Amino acid sequence: MIRRALSAALLASAILAAQQLGAASYAMKVSVTAQGPWIKAGELLEGAVPKKIAELKVRRLEAPGKSVEIPRDLLAVKLREARLGEPVTLSGTATLVTASSRVVKGADIKAFVEKYLRERLSPLSGSAEVALECREAPADLTVPDRETRLDLVPPAGGRFRGNVVFRVIARQSGEDGADLQVGQSVLSCLVTQKQKLLVALKAIRRGETVGAANAGLAMLDASYLAEDGYASLDEAAGLKAKTYIGADKPIAPSMLERPALVRRGDIVKLVVRSGMVSVKVSAKALRDAALGDSIPVEIVDGKKQVQGRVLDAGTVVSESR
């Protein structure tokens, strides 16, 4: 008791001396709720406080809803370090600062994801049967008590069928206008998709050309297909199988390739263009190539190799600067 009384007497004496010297004196609040992300001196002090003191950052807030005690000694050190140009004295012992908070309900997060998915999948409604089922709502998010918006990170690879996992980010604007991430949730949804896709009507062997005789459309469950298929025969007609495709199996783009117009060893017409000038010579193709492919060719007379683009079955064009 004696020590406490002595401390109080010393503090009162210091305040009185400071007042006599023209020092500003402020009393610390007992408790306060702060918006953050920084606790500022002006939030800790009673009454009107000059802006240069009010804007002084003391320390960062804890998580939303959490409390931290700011002792008088810490605030006094911050004021001294700021070198404000005038003496300041403080009364009080500490301020209990609680970080403001609000709750973003898990049900609202789930509704946000479902709305996004419906908008994303609506263009498919004319060509596919799509069903959506999201799992139970995630846990509520506790965030600072400021305007909050939700942002969605699309699934890896941009695929919106089968088991789709979304990451939802809660964002707020900081006092300096910066975009802050203040929380996140993960939600899994099952998207089933049935649509007409191109399938092999019978086994298609490697090198065979796809056409009406061996391929046609059929209604398939495309929910777990590794890649998008063909929605019409026209998209694949004339392409050749790179691998064996079993009967009734969906035909994917990775299974097909354009037929070669030029074979390795073929003698082709090489058109070398330089500005307005074109020169035609004979050249030998050094590998198989389809329409539009770039291939190396060897000029017959000079044995010089150049790179050219296949224009048609017997012509390769090389652009020279």
C-alpha atoms as a PDB file:
ATOM      1  CA  MET A   1       0.000   0.000   0.000  1.00  0.00           C
ATOM      2  CA  ILE A   2       2.803   2.365   0.914  1.00  0.00           C
ATOM      3  CA  ARG A   3       4.593   1.642  -2.407  1.00  0.00           C
ATOM      4  CA  ARG A   4       1.392   2.187  -4.397  1.00  0.00           C
ATOM      5  CA  ALA A   5       0.702   5.472  -2.611  1.00  0.00           C
ATOM      6  CA  LEU A   6       4.264   6.562  -3.222  1.00  0.00           C
ATOM      7  CA  SER A   7       3.987   5.779  -6.973  1.00  0.00           C
ATOM      8  CA  ALA A   8       0.759   7.753  -7.202  1.00  0.00           C
ATOM      9  CA  ALA A   9       2.339  10.667  -5.412  1.00  0.00           C
ATOM     10  CA  LEU A  10       5.352  10.594  -7.741  1.00  0.00           C
ATOM     11  CA  LEU A  11       3.079  10.472 -10.815  1.00  0.00           C
ATOM     12  CA  ALA A  12       1.009  13.370  -9.536  1.00  0.00           C
ATOM     13  CA  SER A  13       4.175  15.287  -8.845  1.00  0.00           C
ATOM     14  CA  ALA A  14       5.492  14.577 -12.368  1.00  0.00           C
ATOM     15  CA  ILE A  15       2.230  15.674 -13.973  1.00  0.00           C
ATOM     16  CA  LEU A  16       2.199  18.866 -11.915  1.00  0.00           C
ATOM     17  CA  ALA A  17       5.801  19.604 -12.879  1.00  0.00           C
ATOM     18  CA  ALA A  18       5.078  18.936 -16.547  1.00  0.00           C
ATOM     19  CA  GLN A  19       2.050  21.220 -16.450  1.00  0.00           C
ATOM     20  CA  GLN A  20       4.163  23.933 -14.927  1.00  0.00           C
ATOM     21  CA  LEU A  21       6.646  23.483 -17.799  1.00  0.00           C
ATOM     22  CA  GLY A  22       3.854  23.700 -20.370  1.00  0.00           C
ATOM     23  CA  ALA A  23       3.684  19.947 -21.200  1.00  0.00           C
ATOM     24  CA  ALA A  24       0.445  18.500 -22.603  1.00  0.00           C
ATOM     25  CA  SER A  25      -1.266  15.976 -20.326  1.00  0.00           C
ATOM     26  CA  TYR A  26      -3.616  13.227 -21.462  1.00  0.00           C
ATOM     27  CA  ALA A  27      -5.543  10.522 -19.650  1.00  0.00           C
ATOM     28  CA  MET A  28      -5.630   6.977 -21.043  1.00  0.00           C
ATOM     29  CA  LYS A  29      -9.007   5.340 -21.598  1.00  0.00           C
ATOM     30  CA  VAL A  30      -9.862   2.232 -19.618  1.00  0.00           C
ATOM     31  CA  SER A  31     -11.058   0.334 -22.697  1.00  0.00           C
ATOM     32  CA  VAL A  32     -11.827   0.941 -26.360  1.00  0.00           C
ATOM     33  CA  THR A  33     -12.900  -0.903 -29.524  1.00  0.00           C
ATOM     34  CA  ALA A  34     -10.612  -0.239 -32.497  1.00  0.00           C
ATOM     35  CA  GLN A  35     -11.187  -0.734 -36.216  1.00  0.00           C
ATOM     36  CA  GLY A  36      -7.525  -1.334 -37.058  1.00  0.00           C
ATOM     37  CA  PRO A  37      -5.444  -2.652 -38.547  1.00  0.00           C
ATOM     38  CA  TRP A  38      -3.323  -0.354 -36.328  1.00  0.00           C
ATOM     39  CA  ILE A  39      -4.003   0.838 -32.797  1.00  0.00           C
ATOM     40  CA  LYS A  40      -3.409   4.601 -32.818  1.00  0.00           C
ATOM     41  CA  ALA A  41      -2.584   6.861 -29.939  1.00  0.00           C
ATOM     42  CA  GLY A  42      -5.693   8.971 -30.491  1.00  0.00           C
ATOM     43  CA  GLU A  43      -7.886   5.939 -29.785  1.00  0.00           C
ATOM     44  CA  LEU A  44      -6.230   5.414 -26.401  1.00  0.00           C
ATOM     45  CA  LEU A  45      -6.516   8.964 -25.043  1.00  0.00           C
ATOM     46  CA  GLU A  46      -9.444  10.910 -23.608  1.00  0.00           C
ATOM     47  CA  GLY A  47     -10.570  14.205 -25.073  1.00  0.00           C
ATOM     48  CA  ALA A  48      -9.370  16.144 -28.108  1.00  0.00           C
ATOM     49  CA  VAL A  49      -5.893  15.122 -29.248  1.00  0.00           C
ATOM     50  CA  PRO A  50      -3.702  16.903 -31.839  1.00  0.00           C
ATOM     51  CA  LYS A  51      -3.585  15.092 -35.169  1.00  0.00           C
ATOM     52  CA  LYS A  52       0.156  14.381 -34.976  1.00  0.00           C
ATOM     53  CA  ILE A  53      -0.486  12.469 -31.743  1.00  0.00           C
ATOM     54  CA  ALA A  54      -3.824  10.964 -32.771  1.00  0.00           C
ATOM     55  CA  GLU A  55      -2.343   9.376 -35.937  1.00  0.00           C
ATOM     56  CA  LEU A  56       0.670   7.853 -34.165  1.00  0.00           C
ATOM     57  CA  LYS A  57       0.707   4.056 -34.667  1.00  0.00           C
ATOM     58  CA  VAL A  58       1.280   2.133 -31.437  1.00  0.00           C
ATOM     59  CA  ARG A  59       0.945  -1.527 -32.496  1.00  0.00           C
ATOM     60  CA  ARG A  60      -1.112  -3.793 -34.721  1.00  0.00           C
ATOM     61  CA  LEU A  61      -4.434  -5.144 -33.555  1.00  0.00           C
ATOM     62  CA  GLU A  62      -4.934  -8.765 -32.671  1.00  0.00           C
ATOM     63  CA  ALA A  63      -7.394 -10.951 -34.603  1.00  0.00           C
ATOM     64  CA  PRO A  64     -11.002  -9.678 -34.896  1.00  0.00           C
ATOM     65  CA  GLY A  65     -12.746  -9.827 -31.521  1.00  0.00           C
ATOM     66  CA  LYS A  66      -9.472 -10.361 -29.634  1.00  0.00           C
ATOM     67  CA  SER A  67      -8.251  -7.956 -26.941  1.00  0.00           C
ATOM     68  CA  VAL A  68      -4.807  -6.629 -26.060  1.00  0.00           C
ATOM     69  CA  GLU A  69      -3.687  -4.362 -23.226  1.00  0.00           C
ATOM     70  CA  ILE A  70      -1.636  -1.273 -24.072  1.00  0.00           C
ATOM     71  CA  PRO A  71       0.292  -0.156 -20.951  1.00  0.00           C
ATOM     72  CA  ARG A  72       1.069   3.495 -20.290  1.00  0.00           C
ATOM     73  CA  ASP A  73       4.810   2.833 -20.550  1.00  0.00           C
ATOM     74  CA  LEU A  74       4.466   1.500 -24.136  1.00  0.00           C
ATOM     75  CA  LEU A  75       2.477   4.527 -25.239  1.00  0.00           C
ATOM     76  CA  ALA A  76       4.970   6.855 -23.546  1.00  0.00           C
ATOM     77  CA  VAL A  77       7.866   5.206 -25.419  1.00  0.00           C
ATOM     78  CA  LYS A  78       6.038   5.579 -28.752  1.00  0.00           C
ATOM     79  CA  LEU A  79       5.407   9.264 -28.039  1.00  0.00           C
ATOM     80  CA  ARG A  80       9.068   9.858 -27.193  1.00  0.00           C
ATOM     81  CA  GLU A  81      10.270   7.992 -30.288  1.00  0.00           C
ATOM     82  CA  ALA A  82       7.964  10.117 -32.465  1.00  0.00           C
ATOM     83  CA  ARG A  83       9.791  13.288 -31.336  1.00  0.00           C
ATOM     84  CA  LEU A  84       6.685  15.432 -31.542  1.00  0.00           C
ATOM     85  CA  GLY A  85       8.516  18.565 -30.417  1.00  0.00           C
ATOM     86  CA  GLU A  86       6.600  19.026 -27.178  1.00  0.00           C
ATOM     87  CA  PRO A  87       6.584  17.158 -23.839  1.00  0.00           C
ATOM     88  CA  VAL A  88       3.596  14.884 -23.161  1.00  0.00           C
ATOM     89  CA  THR A  89       2.545  13.318 -19.885  1.00  0.00           C
ATOM     90  CA  LEU A  90       0.100  10.460 -19.427  1.00  0.00           C
ATOM     91  CA  SER A  91      -2.197   9.467 -16.599  1.00  0.00           C
ATOM     92  CA  GLY A  92      -3.836   6.083 -16.185  1.00  0.00           C
ATOM     93  CA  THR A  93      -2.242   2.654 -16.202  1.00  0.00           C
ATOM     94  CA  ALA A  94      -3.377   0.871 -19.381  1.00  0.00           C
ATOM     95  CA  THR A  95      -6.056   0.667 -22.075  1.00  0.00           C
ATOM     96  CA  LEU A  96      -7.737  -2.609 -23.008  1.00  0.00           C
ATOM     97  CA  VAL A  97      -8.148  -2.549 -26.805  1.00  0.00           C
ATOM     98  CA  THR A  98     -10.581  -4.950 -28.469  1.00  0.00           C
ATOM     99  CA  ALA A  99     -10.421  -5.486 -32.225  1.00  0.00           C
ATOM    100  CA  SER A 100     -13.779  -4.812 -33.844  1.00  0.00           C
ATOM    101  CA  SER A 101     -15.466  -7.783 -35.476  1.00  0.00           C
ATOM    102  CA  ARG A 102     -18.386  -8.896 -37.582  1.00  0.00           C
ATOM    103  CA  VAL A 103     -19.454 -12.362 -38.723  1.00  0.00           C
ATOM    104  CA  VAL A 104     -19.735 -13.500 -42.338  1.00  0.00           C
ATOM    105  CA  LYS A 105     -22.088 -16.457 -42.087  1.00  0.00           C
ATOM    106  CA  GLY A 106     -21.159 -19.745 -43.714  1.00  0.00           C
ATOM    107  CA  ALA A 107     -24.642 -19.903 -45.266  1.00  0.00           C
ATOM    108  CA  ASP A 108     -23.946 -16.598 -47.059  1.00  0.00           C
ATOM    109  CA  ILE A 109     -20.618 -17.942 -48.335  1.00  0.00           C
ATOM    110  CA  LYS A 110     -22.348 -21.050 -49.693  1.00  0.00           C
ATOM    111  CA  ALA A 111     -25.045 -18.931 -51.374  1.00  0.00           C
ATOM    112  CA  PHE A 112     -22.314 -16.772 -52.967  1.00  0.00           C
ATOM    113  CA  VAL A 113     -20.606 -19.859 -54.458  1.00  0.00           C
ATOM    114  CA  GLU A 114     -23.887 -21.357 -55.702  1.00  0.00           C
ATOM    115  CA  LYS A 115     -24.850 -18.065 -57.398  1.00  0.00           C
ATOM    116  CA  TYR A 116     -21.435 -17.885 -59.076  1.00  0.00           C
ATOM    117  CA  LEU A 117     -21.715 -21.481 -60.300  1.00  0.00           C
ATOM    118  CA  ARG A 118     -25.220 -21.031 -61.695  1.00  0.00           C
ATOM    119  CA  GLU A 119     -24.090 -17.985 -63.668  1.00  0.00           C
ATOM    120  CA  ARG A 120     -20.976 -19.831 -64.849  1.00  0.00           C
ATOM    121  CA  LEU A 121     -22.941 -22.913 -65.946  1.00  0.00           C
ATOM    122  CA  SER A 122     -26.005 -21.197 -67.426  1.00  0.00           C
ATOM    123  CA  PRO A 123     -24.546 -21.071 -71.000  1.00  0.00           C
ATOM    124  CA  LEU A 124     -24.498 -24.899 -70.958  1.00  0.00           C
ATOM    125  CA  SER A 125     -28.220 -25.212 -70.282  1.00  0.00           C
ATOM    126  CA  GLY A 126     -29.057 -25.303 -73.993  1.00  0.00           C
ATOM    127  CA  SER A 127     -26.694 -28.185 -74.788  1.00  0.00           C
ATOM    128  CA  ALA A 128     -26.251 -30.092 -71.532  1.00  0.00           C
ATOM    129  CA  GLU A 129     -28.126 -31.328 -68.470  1.00  0.00           C
ATOM    130  CA  VAL A 130     -26.377 -29.744 -65.486  1.00  0.00           C
ATOM    131  CA  ALA A 131     -27.057 -30.377 -61.784  1.00  0.00           C
ATOM    132  CA  LEU A 132     -25.396 -28.595 -58.866  1.00  0.00           C
ATOM    133  CA  GLU A 133     -25.055 -29.759 -55.270  1.00  0.00           C
ATOM    134  CA  CYS A 134     -22.803 -27.920 -52.808  1.00  0.00           C
ATOM    135  CA  ARG A 135     -21.766 -29.553 -49.555  1.00  0.00           C
ATOM    136  CA  GLU A 136     -22.826 -28.184 -46.175  1.00  0.00           C
ATOM    137  CA  ALA A 137     -22.003 -24.553 -45.495  1.00  0.00           C
ATOM    138  CA  PRO A 138     -18.485 -23.776 -44.199  1.00  0.00           C
ATOM    139  CA  ALA A 139     -17.880 -22.337 -40.732  1.00  0.00           C
ATOM    140  CA  ASP A 140     -18.686 -18.675 -40.135  1.00  0.00           C
ATOM    141  CA  LEU A 141     -15.853 -16.193 -40.698  1.00  0.00           C
ATOM    142  CA  THR A 142     -15.018 -13.541 -38.103  1.00  0.00           C
ATOM    143  CA  VAL A 143     -13.564 -10.442 -39.779  1.00  0.00           C
ATOM    144  CA  PRO A 144     -12.932  -6.793 -38.808  1.00  0.00           C
ATOM    145  CA  ASP A 145     -16.089  -4.697 -38.589  1.00  0.00           C
ATOM    146  CA  ARG A 146     -15.736  -3.005 -41.950  1.00  0.00           C
ATOM    147  CA  GLU A 147     -17.439  -3.363 -45.329  1.00  0.00           C
ATOM    148  CA  THR A 148     -16.563  -6.835 -46.590  1.00  0.00           C
ATOM    149  CA  ARG A 149     -16.770  -8.365 -50.044  1.00  0.00           C
ATOM    150  CA  LEU A 150     -16.340 -11.960 -51.128  1.00  0.00           C
ATOM    151  CA  ASP A 151     -14.068 -13.053 -53.955  1.00  0.00           C
ATOM    152  CA  LEU A 152     -13.860 -16.526 -55.477  1.00  0.00           C
ATOM    153  CA  VAL A 153     -10.736 -18.311 -56.670  1.00  0.00           C
ATOM    154  CA  PRO A 154     -11.718 -20.604 -59.613  1.00  0.00           C
ATOM    155  CA  PRO A 155     -10.720 -24.281 -59.438  1.00  0.00           C
ATOM    156  CA  ALA A 156      -7.360 -25.391 -60.793  1.00  0.00           C
ATOM    157  CA  GLY A 157      -7.511 -25.818 -64.558  1.00  0.00           C
ATOM    158  CA  GLY A 158     -10.784 -23.894 -64.763  1.00  0.00           C
ATOM    159  CA  ARG A 159     -12.868 -27.099 -64.819  1.00  0.00           C
ATOM    160  CA  PHE A 160     -16.416 -26.760 -63.520  1.00  0.00           C
ATOM    161  CA  ARG A 161     -17.592 -30.344 -63.445  1.00  0.00           C
ATOM    162  CA  GLY A 162     -17.235 -33.294 -61.099  1.00  0.00           C
ATOM    163  CA  ASN A 163     -15.986 -32.483 -57.605  1.00  0.00           C
ATOM    164  CA  VAL A 164     -15.130 -28.786 -57.724  1.00  0.00           C
ATOM    165  CA  VAL A 165     -13.310 -27.128 -54.827  1.00  0.00           C
ATOM    166  CA  PHE A 166     -13.602 -23.369 -54.418  1.00  0.00           C
ATOM    167  CA  ARG A 167     -11.614 -21.029 -52.178  1.00  0.00           C
ATOM    168  CA  VAL A 168     -13.613 -17.995 -51.089  1.00  0.00           C
ATOM    169  CA  ILE A 169     -11.643 -14.937 -49.958  1.00  0.00           C
ATOM    170  CA  ALA A 170     -13.090 -12.242 -47.680  1.00  0.00           C
ATOM    171  CA  ARG A 171     -11.593  -8.874 -48.625  1.00  0.00           C
ATOM    172  CA  GLN A 172     -11.692  -5.354 -47.207  1.00  0.00           C
ATOM    173  CA  SER A 173     -10.140  -2.040 -48.161  1.00  0.00           C
ATOM    174  CA  GLY A 174      -7.400  -0.776 -45.844  1.00  0.00           C
ATOM    175  CA  GLU A 175      -7.160   2.818 -44.658  1.00  0.00           C
ATOM    176  CA  ASP A 176      -4.600   3.471 -47.414  1.00  0.00           C
ATOM    177  CA  GLY A 177      -6.874   1.929 -50.071  1.00  0.00           C
ATOM    178  CA  ALA A 178      -4.943  -1.331 -50.207  1.00  0.00           C
ATOM    179  CA  ASP A 179      -6.878  -4.532 -50.878  1.00  0.00           C
ATOM    180  CA  LEU A 180      -6.663  -6.703 -47.735  1.00  0.00           C
ATOM    181  CA  GLN A 181      -7.440 -10.398 -47.342  1.00  0.00           C
ATOM    182  CA  VAL A 182      -9.134 -10.802 -43.957  1.00  0.00           C
ATOM    183  CA  GLY A 183     -10.316 -14.419 -44.108  1.00  0.00           C
ATOM    184  CA  GLN A 184     -10.989 -17.400 -46.347  1.00  0.00           C
ATOM    185  CA  SER A 185     -13.179 -20.502 -46.598  1.00  0.00           C
ATOM    186  CA  VAL A 186     -13.121 -23.660 -48.715  1.00  0.00           C
ATOM    187  CA  LEU A 187     -16.283 -25.177 -50.179  1.00  0.00           C
ATOM    188  CA  SER A 188     -16.705 -28.324 -52.270  1.00  0.00           C
ATOM    189  CA  CYS A 189     -19.509 -28.731 -54.827  1.00  0.00           C
ATOM    190  CA  LEU A 190     -20.572 -31.618 -57.053  1.00  0.00           C
ATOM    191  CA  VAL A 191     -21.391 -30.573 -60.615  1.00  0.00           C
ATOM    192  CA  THR A 192     -22.863 -33.307 -62.805  1.00  0.00           C
ATOM    193  CA  GLN A 193     -23.002 -32.675 -66.531  1.00  0.00           C
ATOM    194  CA  LYS A 194     -24.656 -34.804 -69.205  1.00  0.00           C
ATOM    195  CA  GLN A 195     -24.372 -33.801 -72.843  1.00  0.00           C
ATOM    196  CA  LYS A 196     -24.052 -35.074 -76.387  1.00  0.00           C
ATOM    197  CA  LEU A 197     -20.416 -35.772 -77.249  1.00  0.00           C
ATOM    198  CA  LEU A 198     -18.615 -37.489 -80.108  1.00  0.00           C
ATOM    199  CA  VAL A 199     -17.948 -41.207 -79.497  1.00  0.00           C
ATOM    200  CA  ALA A 200     -16.473 -44.033 -81.535  1.00  0.00           C
ATOM    201  CA  LEU A 201     -19.316 -46.018 -83.118  1.00  0.00           C
ATOM    202  CA  LYS A 202     -16.837 -48.844 -83.580  1.00  0.00           C
ATOM    203  CA  ALA A 203     -13.188 -49.370 -82.752  1.00  0.00           C
ATOM    204  CA  ILE A 204     -10.955 -46.778 -84.452  1.00  0.00           C
ATOM    205  CA  ARG A 205      -7.381 -47.882 -85.002  1.00  0.00           C
ATOM    206  CA  ARG A 206      -4.334 -45.677 -84.995  1.00  0.00           C
ATOM    207  CA  GLY A 207      -3.996 -43.807 -88.294  1.00  0.00           C
ATOM    208  CA  GLU A 208      -7.665 -44.186 -89.285  1.00  0.00           C
ATOM    209  CA  THR A 209      -9.561 -41.060 -90.303  1.00  0.00           C
ATOM    210  CA  VAL A 210     -12.536 -39.976 -88.196  1.00  0.00           C
ATOM    211  CA  GLY A 211     -15.790 -39.623 -90.126  1.00  0.00           C
ATOM    212  CA  ALA A 212     -19.489 -40.501 -90.180  1.00  0.00           C
ATOM    213  CA  ALA A 213     -18.676 -44.192 -90.686  1.00  0.00           C
ATOM    214  CA  ASN A 214     -16.934 -44.601 -87.347  1.00  0.00           C
ATOM    215  CA  ALA A 215     -17.999 -41.675 -85.123  1.00  0.00           C
ATOM    216  CA  GLY A 216     -21.241 -40.075 -83.953  1.00  0.00           C
ATOM    217  CA  LEU A 217     -22.884 -38.182 -81.095  1.00  0.00           C
ATOM    218  CA  ALA A 218     -24.204 -39.856 -77.944  1.00  0.00           C
ATOM    219  CA  MET A 219     -25.496 -38.593 -74.591  1.00  0.00           C
ATOM    220  CA  LEU A 220     -22.738 -39.068 -71.984  1.00  0.00           C
ATOM    221  CA  ASP A 221     -22.093 -38.266 -68.348  1.00  0.00           C
ATOM    222  CA  ALA A 222     -19.201 -35.840 -68.803  1.00  0.00           C
ATOM    223  CA  SER A 223     -18.809 -35.019 -65.104  1.00  0.00           C
ATOM    224  CA  TYR A 224     -15.467 -36.754 -64.705  1.00  0.00           C
ATOM    225  CA  LEU A 225     -14.012 -36.695 -68.220  1.00  0.00           C
ATOM    226  CA  ALA A 226     -10.350 -35.705 -68.171  1.00  0.00           C
ATOM    227  CA  GLU A 227     -10.795 -33.226 -71.041  1.00  0.00           C
ATOM    228  CA  ASP A 228     -13.542 -31.600 -73.064  1.00  0.00           C
ATOM    229  CA  GLY A 229     -14.778 -33.648 -75.996  1.00  0.00           C
ATOM    230  CA  TYR A 230     -16.206 -32.749 -79.394  1.00  0.00           C
ATOM    231  CA  ALA A 231     -19.782 -31.414 -79.536  1.00  0.00           C
ATOM    232  CA  SER A 232     -20.157 -32.205 -83.259  1.00  0.00           C
ATOM    233  CA  LEU A 233     -18.737 -34.525 -85.891  1.00  0.00           C
ATOM    234  CA  ASP A 234     -17.642 -31.540 -88.003  1.00  0.00           C
ATOM    235  CA  GLU A 235     -15.064 -30.572 -85.359  1.00  0.00           C
ATOM    236  CA  ALA A 236     -13.217 -33.889 -85.743  1.00  0.00           C
ATOM    237  CA  ALA A 237     -14.040 -35.076 -89.267  1.00  0.00           C
ATOM    238  CA  GLY A 238     -10.913 -35.636 -91.352  1.00  0.00           C
ATOM    239  CA  LEU A 239      -8.579 -35.912 -88.362  1.00  0.00           C
ATOM    240  CA  LYS A 240      -6.624 -39.115 -87.771  1.00  0.00           C
ATOM    241  CA  ALA A 241      -6.440 -41.219 -84.642  1.00  0.00           C
ATOM    242  CA  LYS A 242      -3.106 -41.000 -82.802  1.00  0.00           C
ATOM    243  CA  THR A 243      -4.050 -43.994 -80.679  1.00  0.00           C
ATOM    244  CA  TYR A 244      -6.528 -46.872 -80.530  1.00  0.00           C
ATOM    245  CA  ILE A 245     -10.036 -45.711 -79.553  1.00  0.00           C
ATOM    246  CA  GLY A 246     -12.412 -48.412 -78.324  1.00  0.00           C
ATOM    247  CA  ALA A 247     -16.026 -48.694 -79.440  1.00  0.00           C
ATOM    248  CA  ASP A 248     -18.447 -46.405 -77.539  1.00  0.00           C
ATOM    249  CA  LYS A 249     -15.558 -44.450 -76.022  1.00  0.00           C
ATOM    250  CA  PRO A 250     -15.651 -40.633 -76.088  1.00  0.00           C
ATOM    251  CA  ILE A 251     -13.244 -39.071 -78.586  1.00  0.00           C
ATOM    252  CA  ALA A 252     -11.028 -36.371 -77.063  1.00  0.00           C
ATOM    253  CA  PRO A 253      -8.840 -33.843 -78.916  1.00  0.00           C
ATOM    254  CA  SER A 254      -5.677 -35.396 -77.483  1.00  0.00           C
ATOM    255  CA  MET A 255      -6.520 -38.636 -79.325  1.00  0.00           C
ATOM    256  CA  LEU A 256      -6.526 -37.057 -82.794  1.00  0.00           C
ATOM    257  CA  GLU A 257      -4.128 -35.226 -85.073  1.00  0.00           C
ATOM    258  CA  ARG A 258      -4.278 -33.526 -88.445  1.00  0.00           C
ATOM    259  CA  PRO A 259      -3.299 -35.783 -91.348  1.00  0.00           C
ATOM    260  CA  ALA A 260       0.201 -35.256 -92.719  1.00  0.00           C
ATOM    261  CA  LEU A 261       0.291 -33.382 -96.040  1.00  0.00           C
ATOM    262  CA  VAL A 262       4.049 -33.738 -96.344  1.00  0.00           C
ATOM    263  CA  ARG A 263       6.041 -36.884 -95.563  1.00  0.00           C
ATOM    264  CA  ARG A 264       9.691 -37.084 -94.617  1.00  0.00           C
ATOM    265  CA  GLY A 265      11.740 -37.407 -97.783  1.00  0.00           C
ATOM    266  CA  ASP A 266       9.106 -35.816-100.056  1.00  0.00           C
ATOM    267  CA  ILE A 267      10.417 -33.353-102.634  1.00  0.00           C
ATOM    268  CA  VAL A 268       8.388 -30.170-102.228  1.00  0.00           C
ATOM    269  CA  LYS A 269       8.291 -26.737-103.795  1.00  0.00           C
ATOM    270  CA  LEU A 270       9.979 -24.266-101.428  1.00  0.00           C
ATOM    271  CA  VAL A 271       8.873 -20.660-101.825  1.00  0.00           C
ATOM    272  CA  VAL A 272      11.350 -18.243-100.239  1.00  0.00           C
ATOM    273  CA  ARG A 273       9.858 -14.770 -99.765  1.00  0.00           C
ATOM    274  CA  SER A 274      11.831 -11.645 -98.969  1.00  0.00           C
ATOM    275  CA  GLY A 275       9.746  -8.486 -99.113  1.00  0.00           C
ATOM    276  CA  MET A 276       8.202  -8.277-102.600  1.00  0.00           C
ATOM    277  CA  VAL A 277      10.567 -10.922-104.040  1.00  0.00           C
ATOM    278  CA  SER A 278       9.771 -14.666-104.169  1.00  0.00           C
ATOM    279  CA  VAL A 279      12.136 -17.457-105.210  1.00  0.00           C
ATOM    280  CA  LYS A 280      10.988 -21.045-105.859  1.00  0.00           C
ATOM    281  CA  VAL A 281      13.346 -23.992-105.481  1.00  0.00           C
ATOM    282  CA  SER A 282      13.083 -27.720-104.865  1.00  0.00           C
ATOM    283  CA  ALA A 283      13.641 -28.979-101.332  1.00  0.00           C
ATOM    284  CA  LYS A 284      13.376 -32.217 -99.358  1.00  0.00           C
ATOM    285  CA  ALA A 285      11.126 -32.439 -96.301  1.00  0.00           C
ATOM    286  CA  LEU A 286      13.042 -33.627 -93.235  1.00  0.00           C
ATOM    287  CA  ARG A 287       9.988 -34.788 -91.279  1.00  0.00           C
ATOM    288  CA  ASP A 288       6.240 -35.405 -91.580  1.00  0.00           C
ATOM    289  CA  ALA A 289       4.057 -32.312 -91.270  1.00  0.00           C
ATOM    290  CA  ALA A 290       0.401 -31.274 -91.423  1.00  0.00           C
ATOM    291  CA  LEU A 291      -1.141 -28.124 -92.859  1.00  0.00           C
ATOM    292  CA  GLY A 292       0.335 -25.037 -91.170  1.00  0.00           C
ATOM    293  CA  ASP A 293       3.141 -26.912 -89.405  1.00  0.00           C
ATOM    294  CA  SER A 294       6.634 -25.495 -89.389  1.00  0.00           C
ATOM    295  CA  ILE A 295       9.232 -28.014 -90.618  1.00  0.00           C
ATOM    296  CA  PRO A 296      12.898 -28.109 -91.648  1.00  0.00           C
ATOM    297  CA  VAL A 297      13.576 -28.669 -95.355  1.00  0.00           C
ATOM    298  CA  GLU A 298      16.834 -29.119 -97.273  1.00  0.00           C
ATOM    299  CA  ILE A 299      17.348 -27.264-100.567  1.00  0.00           C
ATOM    300  CA  VAL A 300      18.152 -29.921-103.182  1.00  0.00           C
ATOM    301  CA  ASP A 301      20.851 -27.986-105.072  1.00  0.00           C
ATOM    302  CA  GLY A 302      22.675 -26.337-102.188  1.00  0.00           C
ATOM    303  CA  LYS A 303      22.039 -28.811 -99.334  1.00  0.00           C
ATOM    304  CA  LYS A 304      21.182 -25.804 -97.140  1.00  0.00           C
ATOM    305  CA  GLN A 305      18.537 -26.291 -94.434  1.00  0.00           C
ATOM    306  CA  VAL A 306      15.795 -23.716 -93.832  1.00  0.00           C
ATOM    307  CA  GLN A 307      12.611 -23.625 -91.777  1.00  0.00           C
ATOM    308  CA  GLY A 308       9.300 -23.365 -93.619  1.00  0.00           C
ATOM    309  CA  ARG A 309       5.543 -23.573 -93.109  1.00  0.00           C
ATOM    310  CA  VAL A 310       3.414 -26.157 -94.940  1.00  0.00           C
ATOM    311  CA  LEU A 311       1.042 -24.345 -97.298  1.00  0.00           C
ATOM    312  CA  ASP A 312      -0.431 -27.400 -99.039  1.00  0.00           C
ATOM    313  CA  ALA A 313       0.516 -30.988 -99.950  1.00  0.00           C
ATOM    314  CA  GLY A 314       3.439 -29.928-102.130  1.00  0.00           C
ATOM    315  CA  THR A 315       4.376 -26.429-101.011  1.00  0.00           C
ATOM    316  CA  VAL A 316       6.419 -25.027 -98.103  1.00  0.00           C
ATOM    317  CA  VAL A 317       6.846 -21.286 -97.569  1.00  0.00           C
ATOM    318  CA  SER A 318       9.833 -19.640 -95.890  1.00  0.00           C
ATOM    319  CA  GLU A 319       9.694 -15.938 -94.982  1.00  0.00           C
ATOM    320  CA  SER A 320      13.056 -14.149 -95.086  1.00  0.00           C
ATOM    321  CA  ARG A 321      13.753 -10.667 -93.782  1.00  0.00           C
END
